[in-house]
Amino acid sequence: MKLRESLGLTQRQIAEVVGVTDQTVSNWERGVNLPRLTPIQTAKLCQITRLSIEELAQLFNQ
């Protein structure tokens, strides 16, 4: 959530780029679910968040 907000993005914007619902993004941020993304979705999430795949993985492993 902090990263998304620092980039000025909404949950809906992330969801639209990745191809999931904004509720799914909310669940990720609250730790309810971990992302289950295809390689293309993962690449899109990396692109919009400006993170490498390694940095993205670290975020979800904290």
PDB file of N, CA and C in Angstrom:
ATOM      1  N   MET A   1       0.818  -1.178   0.000  1.00  0.00           N
ATOM      2  CA  MET A   1       0.000   0.000   0.000  1.00  0.00           C
ATOM      3  C   MET A   1       0.872   1.256   0.000  1.00  0.00           C
ATOM      4  N   LYS A   2       1.914   1.263   0.821  1.00  0.00           N
ATOM      5  CA  LYS A   2       2.778   2.442   0.899  1.00  0.00           C
ATOM      6  C   LYS A   2       3.435   2.728  -0.446  1.00  0.00           C
ATOM      7  N   LEU A   3       3.917   1.692  -1.109  1.00  0.00           N
ATOM      8  CA  LEU A   3       4.542   1.874  -2.420  1.00  0.00           C
ATOM      9  C   LEU A   3       3.525   2.421  -3.410  1.00  0.00           C
ATOM     10  N   ARG A   4       2.355   1.813  -3.464  1.00  0.00           N
ATOM     11  CA  ARG A   4       1.315   2.255  -4.389  1.00  0.00           C
ATOM     12  C   ARG A   4       0.963   3.715  -4.149  1.00  0.00           C
ATOM     13  N   GLU A   5       0.776   4.072  -2.891  1.00  0.00           N
ATOM     14  CA  GLU A   5       0.426   5.450  -2.560  1.00  0.00           C
ATOM     15  C   GLU A   5       1.558   6.409  -2.887  1.00  0.00           C
ATOM     16  N   SER A   6       2.811   5.990  -2.658  1.00  0.00           N
ATOM     17  CA  SER A   6       3.945   6.871  -2.966  1.00  0.00           C
ATOM     18  C   SER A   6       4.073   7.119  -4.466  1.00  0.00           C
ATOM     19  N   LEU A   7       3.556   6.192  -5.265  1.00  0.00           N
ATOM     20  CA  LEU A   7       3.565   6.358  -6.721  1.00  0.00           C
ATOM     21  C   LEU A   7       2.326   7.095  -7.215  1.00  0.00           C
ATOM     22  N   GLY A   8       1.424   7.421  -6.294  1.00  0.00           N
ATOM     23  CA  GLY A   8       0.212   8.143  -6.661  1.00  0.00           C
ATOM     24  C   GLY A   8      -0.793   7.289  -7.413  1.00  0.00           C
ATOM     25  N   LEU A   9      -0.789   5.996  -7.130  1.00  0.00           N
ATOM     26  CA  LEU A   9      -1.674   5.072  -7.826  1.00  0.00           C
ATOM     27  C   LEU A   9      -2.797   4.609  -6.908  1.00  0.00           C
ATOM     28  N   THR A  10      -3.944   4.339  -7.503  1.00  0.00           N
ATOM     29  CA  THR A  10      -5.059   3.773  -6.746  1.00  0.00           C
ATOM     30  C   THR A  10      -5.060   2.263  -6.897  1.00  0.00           C
ATOM     31  N   GLN A  11      -5.796   1.607  -6.022  1.00  0.00           N
ATOM     32  CA  GLN A  11      -5.945   0.164  -6.145  1.00  0.00           C
ATOM     33  C   GLN A  11      -6.578  -0.179  -7.493  1.00  0.00           C
ATOM     34  N   ARG A  12      -7.510   0.626  -7.920  1.00  0.00           N
ATOM     35  CA  ARG A  12      -8.182   0.381  -9.192  1.00  0.00           C
ATOM     36  C   ARG A  12      -7.209   0.464 -10.365  1.00  0.00           C
ATOM     37  N   GLN A  13      -6.297   1.436 -10.323  1.00  0.00           N
ATOM     38  CA  GLN A  13      -5.313   1.564 -11.400  1.00  0.00           C
ATOM     39  C   GLN A  13      -4.413   0.334 -11.469  1.00  0.00           C
ATOM     40  N   ILE A  14      -3.946  -0.118 -10.322  1.00  0.00           N
ATOM     41  CA  ILE A  14      -3.122  -1.326 -10.284  1.00  0.00           C
ATOM     42  C   ILE A  14      -3.926  -2.501 -10.836  1.00  0.00           C
ATOM     43  N   ALA A  15      -5.147  -2.641 -10.369  1.00  0.00           N
ATOM     44  CA  ALA A  15      -6.001  -3.747 -10.787  1.00  0.00           C
ATOM     45  C   ALA A  15      -6.217  -3.753 -12.295  1.00  0.00           C
ATOM     46  N   GLU A  16      -6.485  -2.590 -12.872  1.00  0.00           N
ATOM     47  CA  GLU A  16      -6.733  -2.520 -14.309  1.00  0.00           C
ATOM     48  C   GLU A  16      -5.513  -2.911 -15.123  1.00  0.00           C
ATOM     49  N   VAL A  17      -4.345  -2.470 -14.693  1.00  0.00           N
ATOM     50  CA  VAL A  17      -3.116  -2.797 -15.418  1.00  0.00           C
ATOM     51  C   VAL A  17      -2.824  -4.295 -15.347  1.00  0.00           C
ATOM     52  N   VAL A  18      -3.010  -4.866 -14.171  1.00  0.00           N
ATOM     53  CA  VAL A  18      -2.656  -6.266 -13.953  1.00  0.00           C
ATOM     54  C   VAL A  18      -3.764  -7.216 -14.424  1.00  0.00           C
ATOM     55  N   GLY A  19      -4.998  -6.722 -14.483  1.00  0.00           N
ATOM     56  CA  GLY A  19      -6.105  -7.568 -14.926  1.00  0.00           C
ATOM     57  C   GLY A  19      -6.777  -8.344 -13.816  1.00  0.00           C
ATOM     58  N   VAL A  20      -6.855  -7.694 -12.641  1.00  0.00           N
ATOM     59  CA  VAL A  20      -7.550  -8.280 -11.493  1.00  0.00           C
ATOM     60  C   VAL A  20      -8.541  -7.243 -10.979  1.00  0.00           C
ATOM     61  N   THR A  21      -9.290  -7.582  -9.946  1.00  0.00           N
ATOM     62  CA  THR A  21     -10.222  -6.616  -9.373  1.00  0.00           C
ATOM     63  C   THR A  21      -9.516  -5.748  -8.334  1.00  0.00           C
ATOM     64  N   ASP A  22     -10.112  -4.600  -8.050  1.00  0.00           N
ATOM     65  CA  ASP A  22      -9.541  -3.751  -7.009  1.00  0.00           C
ATOM     66  C   ASP A  22      -9.649  -4.428  -5.646  1.00  0.00           C
ATOM     67  N   GLN A  23     -10.638  -5.291  -5.466  1.00  0.00           N
ATOM     68  CA  GLN A  23     -10.752  -6.061  -4.216  1.00  0.00           C
ATOM     69  C   GLN A  23      -9.560  -7.010  -4.063  1.00  0.00           C
ATOM     70  N   THR A  24      -9.104  -7.570  -5.168  1.00  0.00           N
ATOM     71  CA  THR A  24      -7.934  -8.454  -5.140  1.00  0.00           C
ATOM     72  C   THR A  24      -6.709  -7.680  -4.685  1.00  0.00           C
ATOM     73  N   VAL A  25      -6.516  -6.484  -5.216  1.00  0.00           N
ATOM     74  CA  VAL A  25      -5.378  -5.639  -4.812  1.00  0.00           C
ATOM     75  C   VAL A  25      -5.500  -5.308  -3.324  1.00  0.00           C
ATOM     76  N   SER A  26      -6.688  -5.001  -2.873  1.00  0.00           N
ATOM     77  CA  SER A  26      -6.915  -4.723  -1.459  1.00  0.00           C
ATOM     78  C   SER A  26      -6.534  -5.927  -0.605  1.00  0.00           C
ATOM     79  N   ASN A  27      -6.908  -7.114  -1.054  1.00  0.00           N
ATOM     80  CA  ASN A  27      -6.567  -8.340  -0.307  1.00  0.00           C
ATOM     81  C   ASN A  27      -5.060  -8.541  -0.243  1.00  0.00           C
ATOM     82  N   TRP A  28      -4.350  -8.249  -1.325  1.00  0.00           N
ATOM     83  CA  TRP A  28      -2.886  -8.356  -1.311  1.00  0.00           C
ATOM     84  C   TRP A  28      -2.312  -7.407  -0.264  1.00  0.00           C
ATOM     85  N   GLU A  29      -2.792  -6.172  -0.299  1.00  0.00           N
ATOM     86  CA  GLU A  29      -2.247  -5.153   0.606  1.00  0.00           C
ATOM     87  C   GLU A  29      -2.511  -5.472   2.071  1.00  0.00           C
ATOM     88  N   ARG A  30      -3.626  -6.110   2.353  1.00  0.00           N
ATOM     89  CA  ARG A  30      -3.977  -6.451   3.730  1.00  0.00           C
ATOM     90  C   ARG A  30      -3.416  -7.794   4.156  1.00  0.00           C
ATOM     91  N   GLY A  31      -2.735  -8.485   3.226  1.00  0.00           N
ATOM     92  CA  GLY A  31      -2.143  -9.774   3.557  1.00  0.00           C
ATOM     93  C   GLY A  31      -3.139 -10.920   3.600  1.00  0.00           C
ATOM     94  N   VAL A  32      -4.327 -10.698   3.053  1.00  0.00           N
ATOM     95  CA  VAL A  32      -5.343 -11.754   3.024  1.00  0.00           C
ATOM     96  C   VAL A  32      -4.934 -12.847   2.049  1.00  0.00           C
ATOM     97  N   ASN A  33      -4.423 -12.432   0.896  1.00  0.00           N
ATOM     98  CA  ASN A  33      -3.967 -13.362  -0.136  1.00  0.00           C
ATOM     99  C   ASN A  33      -2.646 -12.891  -0.705  1.00  0.00           C
ATOM    100  N   LEU A  34      -1.841 -13.832  -1.166  1.00  0.00           N
ATOM    101  CA  LEU A  34      -0.646 -13.488  -1.929  1.00  0.00           C
ATOM    102  C   LEU A  34      -1.022 -13.466  -3.403  1.00  0.00           C
ATOM    103  N   PRO A  35      -0.359 -12.636  -4.190  1.00  0.00           N
ATOM    104  CA  PRO A  35      -0.668 -12.604  -5.620  1.00  0.00           C
ATOM    105  C   PRO A  35      -0.405 -13.945  -6.290  1.00  0.00           C
ATOM    106  N   ARG A  36      -1.299 -14.320  -7.164  1.00  0.00           N
ATOM    107  CA  ARG A  36      -1.141 -15.494  -8.020  1.00  0.00           C
ATOM    108  C   ARG A  36      -1.259 -14.967  -9.441  1.00  0.00           C
ATOM    109  N   LEU A  37      -0.122 -14.608  -9.996  1.00  0.00           N
ATOM    110  CA  LEU A  37      -0.117 -13.913 -11.279  1.00  0.00           C
ATOM    111  C   LEU A  37       0.562 -14.728 -12.368  1.00  0.00           C
ATOM    112  N   THR A  38       0.120 -14.504 -13.587  1.00  0.00           N
ATOM    113  CA  THR A  38       0.804 -15.079 -14.740  1.00  0.00           C
ATOM    114  C   THR A  38       2.097 -14.293 -14.951  1.00  0.00           C
ATOM    115  N   PRO A  39       3.012 -14.810 -15.740  1.00  0.00           N
ATOM    116  CA  PRO A  39       4.230 -14.044 -16.033  1.00  0.00           C
ATOM    117  C   PRO A  39       3.942 -12.669 -16.639  1.00  0.00           C
ATOM    118  N   ILE A  40       2.954 -12.583 -17.504  1.00  0.00           N
ATOM    119  CA  ILE A  40       2.617 -11.283 -18.114  1.00  0.00           C
ATOM    120  C   ILE A  40       2.074 -10.333 -17.058  1.00  0.00           C
ATOM    121  N   GLN A  41       1.206 -10.815 -16.181  1.00  0.00           N
ATOM    122  CA  GLN A  41       0.678  -9.973 -15.107  1.00  0.00           C
ATOM    123  C   GLN A  41       1.798  -9.510 -14.182  1.00  0.00           C
ATOM    124  N   THR A  42       2.727 -10.405 -13.883  1.00  0.00           N
ATOM    125  CA  THR A  42       3.858 -10.058 -13.030  1.00  0.00           C
ATOM    126  C   THR A  42       4.690  -8.957 -13.683  1.00  0.00           C
ATOM    127  N   ALA A  43       4.947  -9.087 -14.966  1.00  0.00           N
ATOM    128  CA  ALA A  43       5.717  -8.068 -15.692  1.00  0.00           C
ATOM    129  C   ALA A  43       5.004  -6.727 -15.652  1.00  0.00           C
ATOM    130  N   LYS A  44       3.697  -6.736 -15.814  1.00  0.00           N
ATOM    131  CA  LYS A  44       2.919  -5.488 -15.770  1.00  0.00           C
ATOM    132  C   LYS A  44       2.970  -4.860 -14.381  1.00  0.00           C
ATOM    133  N   LEU A  45       2.891  -5.693 -13.340  1.00  0.00           N
ATOM    134  CA  LEU A  45       2.964  -5.182 -11.972  1.00  0.00           C
ATOM    135  C   LEU A  45       4.345  -4.588 -11.694  1.00  0.00           C
ATOM    136  N   CYS A  46       5.384  -5.249 -12.179  1.00  0.00           N
ATOM    137  CA  CYS A  46       6.740  -4.707 -12.030  1.00  0.00           C
ATOM    138  C   CYS A  46       6.867  -3.368 -12.742  1.00  0.00           C
ATOM    139  N   GLN A  47       6.316  -3.294 -13.936  1.00  0.00           N
ATOM    140  CA  GLN A  47       6.416  -2.066 -14.719  1.00  0.00           C
ATOM    141  C   GLN A  47       5.706  -0.903 -14.030  1.00  0.00           C
ATOM    142  N   ILE A  48       4.475  -1.118 -13.576  1.00  0.00           N
ATOM    143  CA  ILE A  48       3.714  -0.018 -12.979  1.00  0.00           C
ATOM    144  C   ILE A  48       4.278   0.405 -11.623  1.00  0.00           C
ATOM    145  N   THR A  49       4.894  -0.534 -10.906  1.00  0.00           N
ATOM    146  CA  THR A  49       5.463  -0.191  -9.595  1.00  0.00           C
ATOM    147  C   THR A  49       6.937   0.199  -9.684  1.00  0.00           C
ATOM    148  N   ARG A  50       7.508   0.039 -10.885  1.00  0.00           N
ATOM    149  CA  ARG A  50       8.921   0.373 -11.117  1.00  0.00           C
ATOM    150  C   ARG A  50       9.862  -0.474 -10.248  1.00  0.00           C
ATOM    151  N   LEU A  51       9.486  -1.727 -10.059  1.00  0.00           N
ATOM    152  CA  LEU A  51      10.295  -2.648  -9.268  1.00  0.00           C
ATOM    153  C   LEU A  51      10.789  -3.788 -10.143  1.00  0.00           C
ATOM    154  N   SER A  52      11.937  -4.326  -9.773  1.00  0.00           N
ATOM    155  CA  SER A  52      12.398  -5.557 -10.422  1.00  0.00           C
ATOM    156  C   SER A  52      11.575  -6.707  -9.852  1.00  0.00           C
ATOM    157  N   ILE A  53      11.631  -7.837 -10.498  1.00  0.00           N
ATOM    158  CA  ILE A  53      10.896  -8.993  -9.989  1.00  0.00           C
ATOM    159  C   ILE A  53      11.421  -9.410  -8.616  1.00  0.00           C
ATOM    160  N   GLU A  54      12.723  -9.239  -8.401  1.00  0.00           N
ATOM    161  CA  GLU A  54      13.312  -9.579  -7.101  1.00  0.00           C
ATOM    162  C   GLU A  54      12.776  -8.641  -6.002  1.00  0.00           C
ATOM    163  N   GLU A  55      12.697  -7.351  -6.314  1.00  0.00           N
ATOM    164  CA  GLU A  55      12.182  -6.386  -5.335  1.00  0.00           C
ATOM    165  C   GLU A  55      10.712  -6.659  -5.037  1.00  0.00           C
ATOM    166  N   LEU A  56       9.960  -6.986  -6.066  1.00  0.00           N
ATOM    167  CA  LEU A  56       8.546  -7.287  -5.889  1.00  0.00           C
ATOM    168  C   LEU A  56       8.370  -8.515  -5.008  1.00  0.00           C
ATOM    169  N   ALA A  57       9.156  -9.538  -5.252  1.00  0.00           N
ATOM    170  CA  ALA A  57       9.082 -10.762  -4.445  1.00  0.00           C
ATOM    171  C   ALA A  57       9.390 -10.464  -2.982  1.00  0.00           C
ATOM    172  N   GLN A  58      10.359  -9.610  -2.734  1.00  0.00           N
ATOM    173  CA  GLN A  58      10.727  -9.258  -1.362  1.00  0.00           C
ATOM    174  C   GLN A  58       9.566  -8.584  -0.647  1.00  0.00           C
ATOM    175  N   LEU A  59       8.825  -7.747  -1.351  1.00  0.00           N
ATOM    176  CA  LEU A  59       7.680  -7.069  -0.742  1.00  0.00           C
ATOM    177  C   LEU A  59       6.651  -8.061  -0.219  1.00  0.00           C
ATOM    178  N   PHE A  60       6.402  -9.102  -1.001  1.00  0.00           N
ATOM    179  CA  PHE A  60       5.381 -10.064  -0.619  1.00  0.00           C
ATOM    180  C   PHE A  60       5.906 -11.130   0.324  1.00  0.00           C
ATOM    181  N   ASN A  61       7.188 -11.157   0.579  1.00  0.00           N
ATOM    182  CA  ASN A  61       7.765 -12.125   1.518  1.00  0.00           C
ATOM    183  C   ASN A  61       8.047 -11.507   2.878  1.00  0.00           C
ATOM    184  N   GLN A  62       7.638 -10.285   3.085  1.00  0.00           N
ATOM    185  CA  GLN A  62       7.886  -9.614   4.371  1.00  0.00           C
ATOM    186  C   GLN A  62       6.828  -9.974   5.382  1.00  0.00           C
TER     187      GLN A  62
END
